[in-house]
Amino acid sequence: MIELVNVTKTYRMGEVEIAALRGVSLAIEDGEMVAIMGASGSGKSTMMNIVGCLDVPTSGQYSLDGVNVGRLSDSRLAAIRNRKIGFVFQSYNLLPRLTAESNVELPLLYARKGGSARLAREALGRVGLADRTGHRPTEMSGGQQQRVAIARALVNEPSILLADEPTGNLDSHSSLEIIELLRELNQSSGITVIIVTHEDDIARFARRTILMRDGEIVDDERARTQ
């Protein structure tokens, strides 16, 4: 499904060039659960942005389902993001004045899908929040807000879920609940889950851990047992 071949990403700041990725090659199959680890500046978030079609490589090739993403227009990239990829972020990115149901419904409204309220409620049920559909973010715990964000990411039924530090703002108990939820979604629905994290305890839930340093992959380890 996901294939990066000798991908580089260089940013220019004035007259200075910063190499965020240095010839990264990687393949991730359908249904994998992968953790990407590394210190700040290692390139893990840059790689996540490219995989999520939020950015394109400076050189090399990124293919998603056999399609060379680097050759697509902005509108085609936006269509892929909306159809194939769900995003979960550290800060939840929920609209505070909207209920949980309305927050989850937003991607469906953008996609002009019918039955959006029903689909939003079903998505909230999948993450254990069937009884919180009318609550606003300020009326919910951090763990519950992240569940709403996960429901929003799932509502368009994507094939890939990208989670960038999804437990970064949570206490240890809530972090465990969120990572267990992501693993259960991966195992029950076969959705590909890719998690960017700096926490070893979170990475252990993945079947595969990729370690990055200075824009390169320095280790790629698969778990021996589940």
N, C-alpha and C. Protein backbone atom coordinates (compact mmCIF):
# COMPACT_ATOMS: atom_id res chain seq x y z
N MET A 1 0.82 -1.19 0.00
CA MET A 1 0.00 0.00 0.00
C MET A 1 0.86 1.26 0.00
N ILE A 2 1.75 1.37 0.96
CA ILE A 2 2.59 2.57 1.12
C ILE A 2 4.02 2.22 0.75
N GLU A 3 4.60 2.98 -0.17
CA GLU A 3 5.99 2.71 -0.56
C GLU A 3 6.73 4.01 -0.81
N LEU A 4 7.81 4.21 -0.06
CA LEU A 4 8.71 5.33 -0.26
C LEU A 4 10.02 4.79 -0.81
N VAL A 5 10.52 5.39 -1.88
CA VAL A 5 11.76 4.95 -2.50
C VAL A 5 12.71 6.13 -2.59
N ASN A 6 13.78 6.08 -1.79
CA ASN A 6 14.84 7.09 -1.80
C ASN A 6 14.28 8.51 -1.69
N VAL A 7 13.36 8.69 -0.74
CA VAL A 7 12.67 9.97 -0.59
C VAL A 7 13.55 10.95 0.20
N THR A 8 13.68 12.14 -0.34
CA THR A 8 14.33 13.23 0.38
C THR A 8 13.35 14.39 0.53
N LYS A 9 13.58 15.18 1.57
CA LYS A 9 12.82 16.41 1.75
C LYS A 9 13.76 17.47 2.28
N THR A 10 13.88 18.56 1.52
CA THR A 10 14.77 19.65 1.89
C THR A 10 13.97 20.94 1.99
N TYR A 11 14.15 21.64 3.10
CA TYR A 11 13.51 22.92 3.31
C TYR A 11 14.57 24.02 3.19
N ARG A 12 14.18 25.14 2.61
CA ARG A 12 15.09 26.27 2.49
C ARG A 12 14.64 27.39 3.42
N MET A 13 15.55 27.83 4.27
CA MET A 13 15.31 28.95 5.17
C MET A 13 16.32 30.04 4.84
N GLY A 14 15.89 30.99 4.02
CA GLY A 14 16.83 31.99 3.53
C GLY A 14 17.83 31.33 2.59
N GLU A 15 19.10 31.43 2.94
CA GLU A 15 20.13 30.81 2.11
C GLU A 15 20.56 29.45 2.65
N VAL A 16 19.88 29.00 3.71
CA VAL A 16 20.25 27.74 4.35
C VAL A 16 19.28 26.64 3.93
N GLU A 17 19.82 25.48 3.55
CA GLU A 17 19.01 24.32 3.24
C GLU A 17 19.06 23.32 4.39
N ILE A 18 17.89 22.83 4.79
CA ILE A 18 17.79 21.87 5.87
C ILE A 18 17.25 20.56 5.31
N ALA A 19 18.02 19.51 5.44
CA ALA A 19 17.61 18.20 4.92
C ALA A 19 16.83 17.48 6.02
N ALA A 20 15.51 17.41 5.86
CA ALA A 20 14.66 16.75 6.85
C ALA A 20 14.62 15.25 6.63
N LEU A 21 14.66 14.81 5.37
CA LEU A 21 14.72 13.39 5.03
C LEU A 21 15.86 13.18 4.06
N ARG A 22 16.61 12.09 4.27
CA ARG A 22 17.81 11.82 3.47
C ARG A 22 17.73 10.42 2.86
N GLY A 23 17.04 10.30 1.76
CA GLY A 23 17.00 9.04 1.05
C GLY A 23 16.29 7.92 1.78
N VAL A 24 15.08 8.18 2.26
CA VAL A 24 14.31 7.19 3.02
C VAL A 24 13.59 6.23 2.07
N SER A 25 13.75 4.94 2.30
CA SER A 25 13.01 3.91 1.57
C SER A 25 12.27 3.05 2.59
N LEU A 26 10.98 2.81 2.31
CA LEU A 26 10.13 2.14 3.29
C LEU A 26 8.90 1.58 2.59
N ALA A 27 8.47 0.40 3.01
CA ALA A 27 7.21 -0.18 2.53
C ALA A 27 6.37 -0.60 3.72
N ILE A 28 5.10 -0.22 3.72
CA ILE A 28 4.16 -0.60 4.77
C ILE A 28 2.96 -1.26 4.09
N GLU A 29 2.66 -2.48 4.52
CA GLU A 29 1.59 -3.26 3.90
C GLU A 29 0.23 -2.93 4.53
N ASP A 30 -0.83 -3.31 3.79
CA ASP A 30 -2.18 -3.16 4.32
C ASP A 30 -2.31 -3.85 5.67
N GLY A 31 -2.96 -3.18 6.62
CA GLY A 31 -3.27 -3.80 7.90
C GLY A 31 -2.16 -3.82 8.91
N GLU A 32 -1.02 -3.22 8.61
CA GLU A 32 0.06 -3.17 9.61
C GLU A 32 -0.25 -2.11 10.67
N MET A 33 0.34 -2.30 11.84
CA MET A 33 0.34 -1.27 12.88
C MET A 33 1.80 -0.95 13.17
N VAL A 34 2.19 0.28 12.83
CA VAL A 34 3.59 0.67 12.83
C VAL A 34 3.80 1.89 13.73
N ALA A 35 4.85 1.87 14.52
CA ALA A 35 5.24 3.03 15.31
C ALA A 35 6.51 3.62 14.70
N ILE A 36 6.51 4.94 14.53
CA ILE A 36 7.69 5.65 14.04
C ILE A 36 8.23 6.48 15.19
N MET A 37 9.48 6.21 15.57
CA MET A 37 10.09 6.86 16.72
C MET A 37 11.31 7.66 16.30
N GLY A 38 11.70 8.58 17.17
CA GLY A 38 12.89 9.37 16.93
C GLY A 38 12.84 10.66 17.73
N ALA A 39 13.99 11.23 17.97
CA ALA A 39 14.07 12.49 18.70
C ALA A 39 13.52 13.63 17.86
N SER A 40 13.32 14.78 18.48
CA SER A 40 12.91 15.97 17.74
C SER A 40 13.94 16.27 16.66
N GLY A 41 13.47 16.51 15.43
CA GLY A 41 14.38 16.78 14.33
C GLY A 41 14.86 15.54 13.61
N SER A 42 14.34 14.37 13.98
CA SER A 42 14.79 13.13 13.35
C SER A 42 14.17 12.93 11.97
N GLY A 43 13.08 13.62 11.68
CA GLY A 43 12.42 13.49 10.38
C GLY A 43 11.13 12.70 10.44
N LYS A 44 10.73 12.24 11.63
CA LYS A 44 9.54 11.38 11.71
C LYS A 44 8.27 12.12 11.34
N SER A 45 8.12 13.35 11.77
CA SER A 45 6.91 14.10 11.43
C SER A 45 6.90 14.49 9.95
N THR A 46 8.07 14.79 9.40
CA THR A 46 8.15 15.09 7.97
C THR A 46 7.73 13.88 7.15
N MET A 47 8.19 12.71 7.54
CA MET A 47 7.79 11.50 6.82
C MET A 47 6.30 11.26 6.97
N MET A 48 5.75 11.50 8.16
CA MET A 48 4.32 11.36 8.37
C MET A 48 3.54 12.30 7.45
N ASN A 49 4.00 13.54 7.31
CA ASN A 49 3.32 14.50 6.44
C ASN A 49 3.33 14.05 4.99
N ILE A 50 4.42 13.45 4.55
CA ILE A 50 4.49 12.96 3.18
C ILE A 50 3.56 11.76 3.00
N VAL A 51 3.59 10.83 3.95
CA VAL A 51 2.70 9.66 3.87
C VAL A 51 1.24 10.11 3.88
N GLY A 52 0.94 11.15 4.64
CA GLY A 52 -0.42 11.65 4.73
C GLY A 52 -0.83 12.60 3.62
N CYS A 53 0.04 12.76 2.61
CA CYS A 53 -0.25 13.63 1.47
C CYS A 53 -0.44 15.09 1.87
N LEU A 54 0.17 15.48 2.99
CA LEU A 54 0.19 16.88 3.40
C LEU A 54 1.38 17.61 2.82
N ASP A 55 2.34 16.85 2.31
CA ASP A 55 3.55 17.39 1.72
C ASP A 55 4.02 16.42 0.64
N VAL A 56 4.92 16.86 -0.20
CA VAL A 56 5.45 16.00 -1.26
C VAL A 56 6.97 15.97 -1.15
N PRO A 57 7.60 14.88 -1.61
CA PRO A 57 9.06 14.79 -1.51
C PRO A 57 9.76 15.81 -2.40
N THR A 58 10.99 16.18 -1.98
CA THR A 58 11.85 16.98 -2.85
C THR A 58 12.37 16.11 -3.98
N SER A 59 12.72 14.87 -3.67
CA SER A 59 13.11 13.90 -4.68
C SER A 59 12.73 12.51 -4.19
N GLY A 60 12.86 11.53 -5.07
CA GLY A 60 12.42 10.19 -4.74
C GLY A 60 10.95 10.02 -5.06
N GLN A 61 10.39 8.90 -4.69
CA GLN A 61 9.01 8.60 -5.06
C GLN A 61 8.22 8.05 -3.88
N TYR A 62 7.00 8.57 -3.72
CA TYR A 62 6.05 8.03 -2.76
C TYR A 62 4.85 7.52 -3.52
N SER A 63 4.56 6.24 -3.37
CA SER A 63 3.42 5.61 -4.03
C SER A 63 2.42 5.14 -2.98
N LEU A 64 1.16 5.42 -3.23
CA LEU A 64 0.07 4.98 -2.37
C LEU A 64 -0.90 4.18 -3.24
N ASP A 65 -1.05 2.91 -2.91
CA ASP A 65 -1.87 2.01 -3.72
C ASP A 65 -1.44 2.04 -5.19
N GLY A 66 -0.13 2.10 -5.39
CA GLY A 66 0.42 2.04 -6.74
C GLY A 66 0.41 3.35 -7.50
N VAL A 67 -0.06 4.43 -6.89
CA VAL A 67 -0.14 5.73 -7.54
C VAL A 67 1.00 6.61 -7.04
N ASN A 68 1.75 7.21 -7.96
CA ASN A 68 2.85 8.11 -7.61
C ASN A 68 2.25 9.42 -7.12
N VAL A 69 2.25 9.60 -5.81
CA VAL A 69 1.58 10.76 -5.20
C VAL A 69 2.26 12.07 -5.59
N GLY A 70 3.56 12.04 -5.79
CA GLY A 70 4.30 13.26 -6.10
C GLY A 70 3.88 13.92 -7.40
N ARG A 71 3.18 13.21 -8.25
CA ARG A 71 2.76 13.76 -9.53
C ARG A 71 1.34 14.29 -9.52
N LEU A 72 0.68 14.22 -8.39
CA LEU A 72 -0.73 14.60 -8.33
C LEU A 72 -0.89 16.09 -8.05
N SER A 73 -2.00 16.64 -8.51
CA SER A 73 -2.33 18.04 -8.25
C SER A 73 -2.79 18.20 -6.80
N ASP A 74 -2.86 19.44 -6.35
CA ASP A 74 -3.31 19.70 -4.98
C ASP A 74 -4.72 19.18 -4.76
N SER A 75 -5.59 19.31 -5.76
CA SER A 75 -6.97 18.85 -5.59
C SER A 75 -7.02 17.33 -5.49
N ARG A 76 -6.19 16.63 -6.26
CA ARG A 76 -6.15 15.17 -6.17
C ARG A 76 -5.59 14.73 -4.82
N LEU A 77 -4.57 15.44 -4.32
CA LEU A 77 -4.02 15.12 -3.00
C LEU A 77 -5.09 15.31 -1.92
N ALA A 78 -5.85 16.40 -2.03
CA ALA A 78 -6.91 16.65 -1.05
C ALA A 78 -7.96 15.55 -1.10
N ALA A 79 -8.28 15.07 -2.30
CA ALA A 79 -9.26 14.00 -2.45
C ALA A 79 -8.76 12.71 -1.81
N ILE A 80 -7.48 12.41 -1.97
CA ILE A 80 -6.90 11.21 -1.36
C ILE A 80 -6.93 11.32 0.17
N ARG A 81 -6.57 12.50 0.68
CA ARG A 81 -6.59 12.70 2.13
C ARG A 81 -8.00 12.48 2.68
N ASN A 82 -8.98 12.97 1.99
CA ASN A 82 -10.35 12.88 2.49
C ASN A 82 -10.91 11.46 2.39
N ARG A 83 -10.46 10.71 1.39
CA ARG A 83 -11.03 9.39 1.12
C ARG A 83 -10.27 8.25 1.78
N LYS A 84 -8.95 8.35 1.80
CA LYS A 84 -8.12 7.22 2.20
C LYS A 84 -7.47 7.35 3.56
N ILE A 85 -7.34 8.57 4.09
CA ILE A 85 -6.49 8.80 5.25
C ILE A 85 -7.25 9.53 6.35
N GLY A 86 -7.15 8.99 7.57
CA GLY A 86 -7.69 9.66 8.75
C GLY A 86 -6.55 10.16 9.62
N PHE A 87 -6.68 11.37 10.16
CA PHE A 87 -5.60 11.99 10.94
C PHE A 87 -6.03 12.16 12.40
N VAL A 88 -5.11 11.84 13.30
CA VAL A 88 -5.30 12.07 14.74
C VAL A 88 -4.08 12.83 15.23
N PHE A 89 -4.30 13.95 15.93
CA PHE A 89 -3.20 14.80 16.36
C PHE A 89 -3.13 14.87 17.89
N GLN A 90 -1.98 15.31 18.38
CA GLN A 90 -1.75 15.42 19.82
C GLN A 90 -2.76 16.37 20.47
N SER A 91 -3.10 17.45 19.79
CA SER A 91 -3.92 18.50 20.39
C SER A 91 -5.41 18.36 20.09
N TYR A 92 -5.82 17.23 19.54
CA TYR A 92 -7.23 16.89 19.27
C TYR A 92 -7.83 17.69 18.12
N ASN A 93 -7.60 19.02 18.09
CA ASN A 93 -8.12 19.89 17.02
C ASN A 93 -9.64 19.83 16.90
N LEU A 94 -10.31 19.80 18.03
CA LEU A 94 -11.77 19.84 18.03
C LEU A 94 -12.26 21.29 18.12
N LEU A 95 -13.42 21.55 17.52
CA LEU A 95 -14.01 22.89 17.62
C LEU A 95 -14.80 22.98 18.92
N PRO A 96 -14.42 23.89 19.82
CA PRO A 96 -14.98 23.89 21.18
C PRO A 96 -16.47 24.17 21.25
N ARG A 97 -17.04 24.88 20.29
CA ARG A 97 -18.46 25.24 20.36
C ARG A 97 -19.36 24.14 19.80
N LEU A 98 -18.77 23.13 19.17
CA LEU A 98 -19.55 22.06 18.57
C LEU A 98 -19.62 20.85 19.50
N THR A 99 -20.70 20.11 19.41
CA THR A 99 -20.80 18.86 20.17
C THR A 99 -19.88 17.81 19.57
N ALA A 100 -19.72 16.71 20.30
CA ALA A 100 -18.92 15.61 19.78
C ALA A 100 -19.46 15.14 18.44
N GLU A 101 -20.78 14.99 18.36
CA GLU A 101 -21.39 14.53 17.11
C GLU A 101 -21.09 15.49 15.96
N SER A 102 -21.21 16.78 16.20
CA SER A 102 -20.98 17.77 15.14
C SER A 102 -19.52 17.81 14.73
N ASN A 103 -18.59 17.66 15.69
CA ASN A 103 -17.16 17.61 15.36
C ASN A 103 -16.86 16.42 14.45
N VAL A 104 -17.43 15.26 14.77
CA VAL A 104 -17.19 14.06 13.98
C VAL A 104 -17.84 14.17 12.61
N GLU A 105 -18.92 14.90 12.54
CA GLU A 105 -19.69 15.03 11.29
C GLU A 105 -18.98 15.89 10.25
N LEU A 106 -18.06 16.75 10.67
CA LEU A 106 -17.46 17.73 9.76
C LEU A 106 -16.87 17.13 8.48
N PRO A 107 -16.04 16.07 8.56
CA PRO A 107 -15.49 15.53 7.31
C PRO A 107 -16.56 15.04 6.34
N LEU A 108 -17.68 14.55 6.86
CA LEU A 108 -18.77 14.09 6.01
C LEU A 108 -19.45 15.25 5.30
N LEU A 109 -19.56 16.38 6.01
CA LEU A 109 -20.15 17.56 5.40
C LEU A 109 -19.26 18.08 4.28
N TYR A 110 -17.93 18.07 4.51
CA TYR A 110 -17.01 18.50 3.46
C TYR A 110 -17.11 17.59 2.25
N ALA A 111 -17.30 16.30 2.51
CA ALA A 111 -17.39 15.32 1.42
C ALA A 111 -18.79 15.24 0.83
N ARG A 112 -19.73 16.00 1.42
CA ARG A 112 -21.12 16.05 0.95
C ARG A 112 -21.76 14.66 0.94
N LYS A 113 -21.55 13.94 2.01
CA LYS A 113 -22.15 12.62 2.15
C LYS A 113 -23.48 12.73 2.89
N GLY A 114 -24.45 11.95 2.46
CA GLY A 114 -25.73 11.92 3.14
C GLY A 114 -25.67 11.10 4.41
N GLY A 115 -26.66 11.31 5.28
CA GLY A 115 -26.73 10.56 6.52
C GLY A 115 -25.59 10.85 7.46
N SER A 116 -25.06 12.07 7.42
CA SER A 116 -23.85 12.38 8.18
C SER A 116 -24.05 12.27 9.69
N ALA A 117 -25.21 12.69 10.20
CA ALA A 117 -25.44 12.63 11.64
C ALA A 117 -25.44 11.18 12.12
N ARG A 118 -26.10 10.31 11.38
CA ARG A 118 -26.13 8.88 11.75
C ARG A 118 -24.73 8.28 11.71
N LEU A 119 -23.97 8.58 10.68
CA LEU A 119 -22.61 8.03 10.55
C LEU A 119 -21.71 8.56 11.67
N ALA A 120 -21.90 9.83 12.05
CA ALA A 120 -21.12 10.39 13.15
C ALA A 120 -21.42 9.67 14.46
N ARG A 121 -22.70 9.40 14.71
CA ARG A 121 -23.07 8.69 15.93
C ARG A 121 -22.49 7.26 15.93
N GLU A 122 -22.52 6.63 14.77
CA GLU A 122 -21.95 5.27 14.67
C GLU A 122 -20.45 5.30 14.95
N ALA A 123 -19.76 6.30 14.44
CA ALA A 123 -18.32 6.41 14.67
C ALA A 123 -18.02 6.63 16.15
N LEU A 124 -18.82 7.45 16.80
CA LEU A 124 -18.63 7.67 18.23
C LEU A 124 -18.91 6.40 19.01
N GLY A 125 -19.86 5.61 18.57
CA GLY A 125 -20.11 4.32 19.20
C GLY A 125 -18.92 3.39 19.09
N ARG A 126 -18.22 3.44 17.97
CA ARG A 126 -17.05 2.57 17.77
C ARG A 126 -15.94 2.88 18.77
N VAL A 127 -15.86 4.12 19.24
CA VAL A 127 -14.80 4.50 20.17
C VAL A 127 -15.31 4.59 21.61
N GLY A 128 -16.51 4.06 21.85
CA GLY A 128 -17.04 4.00 23.21
C GLY A 128 -17.65 5.27 23.73
N LEU A 129 -18.14 6.14 22.83
CA LEU A 129 -18.71 7.41 23.28
C LEU A 129 -20.14 7.59 22.80
N ALA A 130 -20.89 6.50 22.72
CA ALA A 130 -22.28 6.59 22.27
C ALA A 130 -23.12 7.46 23.21
N ASP A 131 -22.70 7.57 24.47
CA ASP A 131 -23.45 8.37 25.44
C ASP A 131 -22.91 9.79 25.60
N ARG A 132 -22.00 10.19 24.70
CA ARG A 132 -21.41 11.54 24.80
C ARG A 132 -21.62 12.36 23.53
N THR A 133 -22.56 11.95 22.69
CA THR A 133 -22.71 12.61 21.39
C THR A 133 -23.06 14.09 21.52
N GLY A 134 -23.80 14.46 22.56
CA GLY A 134 -24.23 15.85 22.72
C GLY A 134 -23.30 16.69 23.57
N HIS A 135 -22.20 16.13 24.04
CA HIS A 135 -21.27 16.88 24.89
C HIS A 135 -20.28 17.67 24.04
N ARG A 136 -19.90 18.83 24.56
CA ARG A 136 -18.87 19.64 23.91
C ARG A 136 -17.50 19.29 24.48
N PRO A 137 -16.41 19.62 23.76
CA PRO A 137 -15.07 19.27 24.24
C PRO A 137 -14.77 19.72 25.66
N THR A 138 -15.27 20.91 26.05
CA THR A 138 -14.99 21.42 27.39
C THR A 138 -15.68 20.60 28.47
N GLU A 139 -16.62 19.76 28.09
CA GLU A 139 -17.34 18.92 29.03
C GLU A 139 -16.78 17.50 29.07
N MET A 140 -15.62 17.30 28.44
CA MET A 140 -15.06 15.96 28.31
C MET A 140 -13.62 15.95 28.79
N SER A 141 -13.17 14.78 29.23
CA SER A 141 -11.77 14.62 29.64
C SER A 141 -10.87 14.60 28.40
N GLY A 142 -9.55 14.69 28.62
CA GLY A 142 -8.62 14.63 27.51
C GLY A 142 -8.73 13.33 26.74
N GLY A 143 -8.87 12.23 27.47
CA GLY A 143 -9.00 10.93 26.80
C GLY A 143 -10.26 10.85 25.97
N GLN A 144 -11.36 11.42 26.48
CA GLN A 144 -12.61 11.42 25.71
C GLN A 144 -12.49 12.32 24.48
N GLN A 145 -11.82 13.46 24.62
CA GLN A 145 -11.63 14.33 23.46
C GLN A 145 -10.82 13.63 22.37
N GLN A 146 -9.81 12.87 22.79
CA GLN A 146 -9.02 12.16 21.79
C GLN A 146 -9.84 11.06 21.12
N ARG A 147 -10.76 10.45 21.87
CA ARG A 147 -11.65 9.46 21.26
C ARG A 147 -12.55 10.12 20.21
N VAL A 148 -13.02 11.33 20.51
CA VAL A 148 -13.81 12.06 19.52
C VAL A 148 -12.97 12.31 18.27
N ALA A 149 -11.71 12.70 18.47
CA ALA A 149 -10.83 12.95 17.33
C ALA A 149 -10.60 11.67 16.52
N ILE A 150 -10.49 10.54 17.20
CA ILE A 150 -10.33 9.26 16.49
C ILE A 150 -11.60 8.93 15.72
N ALA A 151 -12.76 9.15 16.33
CA ALA A 151 -14.02 8.92 15.63
C ALA A 151 -14.11 9.79 14.38
N ARG A 152 -13.70 11.04 14.50
CA ARG A 152 -13.71 11.94 13.34
C ARG A 152 -12.79 11.42 12.24
N ALA A 153 -11.64 10.87 12.63
CA ALA A 153 -10.70 10.32 11.66
C ALA A 153 -11.26 9.08 10.97
N LEU A 154 -12.13 8.36 11.66
CA LEU A 154 -12.67 7.09 11.14
C LEU A 154 -13.95 7.27 10.33
N VAL A 155 -14.61 8.40 10.44
CA VAL A 155 -15.98 8.51 9.95
C VAL A 155 -16.09 8.34 8.43
N ASN A 156 -15.04 8.66 7.69
CA ASN A 156 -15.05 8.47 6.24
C ASN A 156 -14.55 7.08 5.83
N GLU A 157 -14.36 6.22 6.83
CA GLU A 157 -13.89 4.84 6.60
C GLU A 157 -12.59 4.81 5.79
N PRO A 158 -11.55 5.46 6.28
CA PRO A 158 -10.27 5.47 5.56
C PRO A 158 -9.58 4.11 5.68
N SER A 159 -8.62 3.88 4.80
CA SER A 159 -7.83 2.65 4.89
C SER A 159 -6.57 2.84 5.72
N ILE A 160 -6.22 4.10 6.01
CA ILE A 160 -5.01 4.42 6.78
C ILE A 160 -5.37 5.40 7.89
N LEU A 161 -4.88 5.14 9.09
CA LEU A 161 -5.03 6.06 10.21
C LEU A 161 -3.64 6.52 10.64
N LEU A 162 -3.40 7.83 10.56
CA LEU A 162 -2.12 8.42 10.95
C LEU A 162 -2.30 9.17 12.26
N ALA A 163 -1.56 8.77 13.27
CA ALA A 163 -1.70 9.35 14.60
C ALA A 163 -0.36 9.98 15.00
N ASP A 164 -0.33 11.29 15.09
CA ASP A 164 0.91 12.02 15.41
C ASP A 164 0.91 12.36 16.90
N GLU A 165 1.71 11.63 17.68
CA GLU A 165 1.78 11.80 19.13
C GLU A 165 0.38 11.80 19.76
N PRO A 166 -0.43 10.78 19.51
CA PRO A 166 -1.83 10.80 19.96
C PRO A 166 -2.01 10.78 21.46
N THR A 167 -0.97 10.39 22.22
CA THR A 167 -1.08 10.34 23.68
C THR A 167 -0.25 11.42 24.35
N GLY A 168 0.28 12.35 23.57
CA GLY A 168 1.21 13.34 24.10
C GLY A 168 0.63 14.25 25.17
N ASN A 169 -0.68 14.49 25.14
CA ASN A 169 -1.32 15.38 26.12
C ASN A 169 -2.10 14.64 27.19
N LEU A 170 -1.90 13.31 27.27
CA LEU A 170 -2.73 12.50 28.15
C LEU A 170 -1.95 11.92 29.32
N ASP A 171 -2.64 11.64 30.42
CA ASP A 171 -2.02 10.94 31.53
C ASP A 171 -1.82 9.48 31.15
N SER A 172 -1.10 8.74 31.98
CA SER A 172 -0.71 7.38 31.62
C SER A 172 -1.92 6.46 31.44
N HIS A 173 -2.95 6.62 32.29
CA HIS A 173 -4.13 5.77 32.17
C HIS A 173 -4.87 6.04 30.86
N SER A 174 -5.08 7.31 30.54
CA SER A 174 -5.76 7.66 29.29
C SER A 174 -4.92 7.26 28.08
N SER A 175 -3.60 7.40 28.19
CA SER A 175 -2.72 7.00 27.09
C SER A 175 -2.88 5.52 26.78
N LEU A 176 -2.94 4.72 27.84
CA LEU A 176 -3.11 3.28 27.65
C LEU A 176 -4.44 2.97 26.98
N GLU A 177 -5.49 3.65 27.39
CA GLU A 177 -6.81 3.43 26.79
C GLU A 177 -6.80 3.79 25.30
N ILE A 178 -6.15 4.88 24.95
CA ILE A 178 -6.13 5.32 23.55
C ILE A 178 -5.33 4.36 22.68
N ILE A 179 -4.15 3.93 23.15
CA ILE A 179 -3.34 3.05 22.33
C ILE A 179 -3.99 1.68 22.21
N GLU A 180 -4.68 1.22 23.26
CA GLU A 180 -5.41 -0.04 23.17
C GLU A 180 -6.57 0.08 22.18
N LEU A 181 -7.22 1.24 22.15
CA LEU A 181 -8.28 1.47 21.18
C LEU A 181 -7.74 1.41 19.76
N LEU A 182 -6.60 2.05 19.52
CA LEU A 182 -6.00 2.03 18.18
C LEU A 182 -5.63 0.61 17.78
N ARG A 183 -5.11 -0.16 18.71
CA ARG A 183 -4.76 -1.54 18.39
C ARG A 183 -6.00 -2.37 18.10
N GLU A 184 -7.07 -2.15 18.87
CA GLU A 184 -8.31 -2.90 18.64
C GLU A 184 -8.89 -2.56 17.27
N LEU A 185 -8.85 -1.29 16.89
CA LEU A 185 -9.34 -0.88 15.58
C LEU A 185 -8.52 -1.54 14.47
N ASN A 186 -7.21 -1.58 14.65
CA ASN A 186 -6.34 -2.23 13.68
C ASN A 186 -6.67 -3.71 13.53
N GLN A 187 -6.86 -4.38 14.65
CA GLN A 187 -7.09 -5.82 14.61
C GLN A 187 -8.49 -6.19 14.15
N SER A 188 -9.48 -5.36 14.50
CA SER A 188 -10.87 -5.72 14.18
C SER A 188 -11.28 -5.31 12.77
N SER A 189 -10.74 -4.19 12.28
CA SER A 189 -11.17 -3.68 10.98
C SER A 189 -10.11 -3.79 9.90
N GLY A 190 -8.86 -4.08 10.31
CA GLY A 190 -7.79 -4.19 9.33
C GLY A 190 -7.25 -2.87 8.83
N ILE A 191 -7.66 -1.76 9.46
CA ILE A 191 -7.14 -0.46 9.06
C ILE A 191 -5.65 -0.38 9.37
N THR A 192 -4.89 0.19 8.46
CA THR A 192 -3.46 0.42 8.67
C THR A 192 -3.28 1.57 9.66
N VAL A 193 -2.53 1.35 10.73
CA VAL A 193 -2.33 2.38 11.76
C VAL A 193 -0.85 2.72 11.83
N ILE A 194 -0.54 3.99 11.68
CA ILE A 194 0.84 4.48 11.77
C ILE A 194 0.88 5.54 12.85
N ILE A 195 1.72 5.31 13.87
CA ILE A 195 1.78 6.20 15.03
C ILE A 195 3.16 6.83 15.12
N VAL A 196 3.21 8.13 15.19
CA VAL A 196 4.45 8.84 15.52
C VAL A 196 4.48 9.04 17.03
N THR A 197 5.53 8.58 17.68
CA THR A 197 5.61 8.69 19.13
C THR A 197 7.07 8.72 19.57
N HIS A 198 7.30 9.30 20.74
CA HIS A 198 8.63 9.22 21.35
C HIS A 198 8.61 8.35 22.60
N GLU A 199 7.45 7.73 22.86
CA GLU A 199 7.28 6.95 24.08
C GLU A 199 7.44 5.45 23.80
N ASP A 200 8.41 4.83 24.46
CA ASP A 200 8.64 3.39 24.27
C ASP A 200 7.41 2.57 24.64
N ASP A 201 6.71 2.97 25.71
CA ASP A 201 5.54 2.21 26.16
C ASP A 201 4.44 2.20 25.11
N ILE A 202 4.32 3.26 24.36
CA ILE A 202 3.32 3.32 23.29
C ILE A 202 3.78 2.51 22.09
N ALA A 203 5.04 2.63 21.74
CA ALA A 203 5.55 1.91 20.57
C ALA A 203 5.45 0.40 20.73
N ARG A 204 5.50 -0.09 21.96
CA ARG A 204 5.45 -1.53 22.19
C ARG A 204 4.13 -2.16 21.73
N PHE A 205 3.08 -1.36 21.60
CA PHE A 205 1.79 -1.88 21.14
C PHE A 205 1.79 -2.15 19.64
N ALA A 206 2.73 -1.59 18.92
CA ALA A 206 2.78 -1.77 17.47
C ALA A 206 3.43 -3.10 17.13
N ARG A 207 3.12 -3.59 15.95
CA ARG A 207 3.74 -4.82 15.47
C ARG A 207 5.12 -4.56 14.87
N ARG A 208 5.38 -3.28 14.61
CA ARG A 208 6.63 -2.92 13.93
C ARG A 208 7.05 -1.54 14.40
N THR A 209 8.33 -1.37 14.68
CA THR A 209 8.84 -0.08 15.15
C THR A 209 9.96 0.39 14.24
N ILE A 210 9.82 1.60 13.74
CA ILE A 210 10.82 2.21 12.86
C ILE A 210 11.47 3.35 13.63
N LEU A 211 12.78 3.32 13.72
CA LEU A 211 13.53 4.36 14.43
C LEU A 211 14.23 5.26 13.43
N MET A 212 14.03 6.58 13.62
CA MET A 212 14.65 7.55 12.72
C MET A 212 15.65 8.41 13.47
N ARG A 213 16.70 8.80 12.73
CA ARG A 213 17.71 9.70 13.29
C ARG A 213 18.30 10.52 12.15
N ASP A 214 18.30 11.84 12.31
CA ASP A 214 18.90 12.74 11.32
C ASP A 214 18.37 12.50 9.91
N GLY A 215 17.07 12.28 9.81
CA GLY A 215 16.45 12.15 8.50
C GLY A 215 16.60 10.81 7.83
N GLU A 216 17.06 9.82 8.59
CA GLU A 216 17.26 8.48 8.01
C GLU A 216 16.63 7.43 8.92
N ILE A 217 16.27 6.30 8.33
CA ILE A 217 15.81 5.15 9.11
C ILE A 217 17.03 4.37 9.56
N VAL A 218 17.19 4.23 10.87
CA VAL A 218 18.37 3.53 11.41
C VAL A 218 18.02 2.16 11.97
N ASP A 219 16.71 1.89 12.14
CA ASP A 219 16.30 0.57 12.62
C ASP A 219 14.86 0.33 12.20
N ASP A 220 14.54 -0.91 11.87
CA ASP A 220 13.20 -1.31 11.46
C ASP A 220 12.98 -2.71 12.01
N GLU A 221 12.24 -2.78 13.13
CA GLU A 221 12.12 -4.03 13.87
C GLU A 221 10.67 -4.48 13.96
N ARG A 222 10.41 -5.73 13.66
CA ARG A 222 9.08 -6.31 13.79
C ARG A 222 8.99 -7.10 15.10
N ALA A 223 7.84 -7.00 15.75
CA ALA A 223 7.64 -7.71 17.00
C ALA A 223 7.60 -9.21 16.73
N ARG A 224 8.21 -9.97 17.64
CA ARG A 224 8.21 -11.42 17.49
C ARG A 224 6.90 -12.03 17.93
N THR A 225 6.26 -11.42 18.91
CA THR A 225 4.96 -11.89 19.38
C THR A 225 4.00 -10.73 19.45
N GLN A 226 2.72 -11.06 19.39
CA GLN A 226 1.68 -10.02 19.44
C GLN A 226 1.20 -9.85 20.87
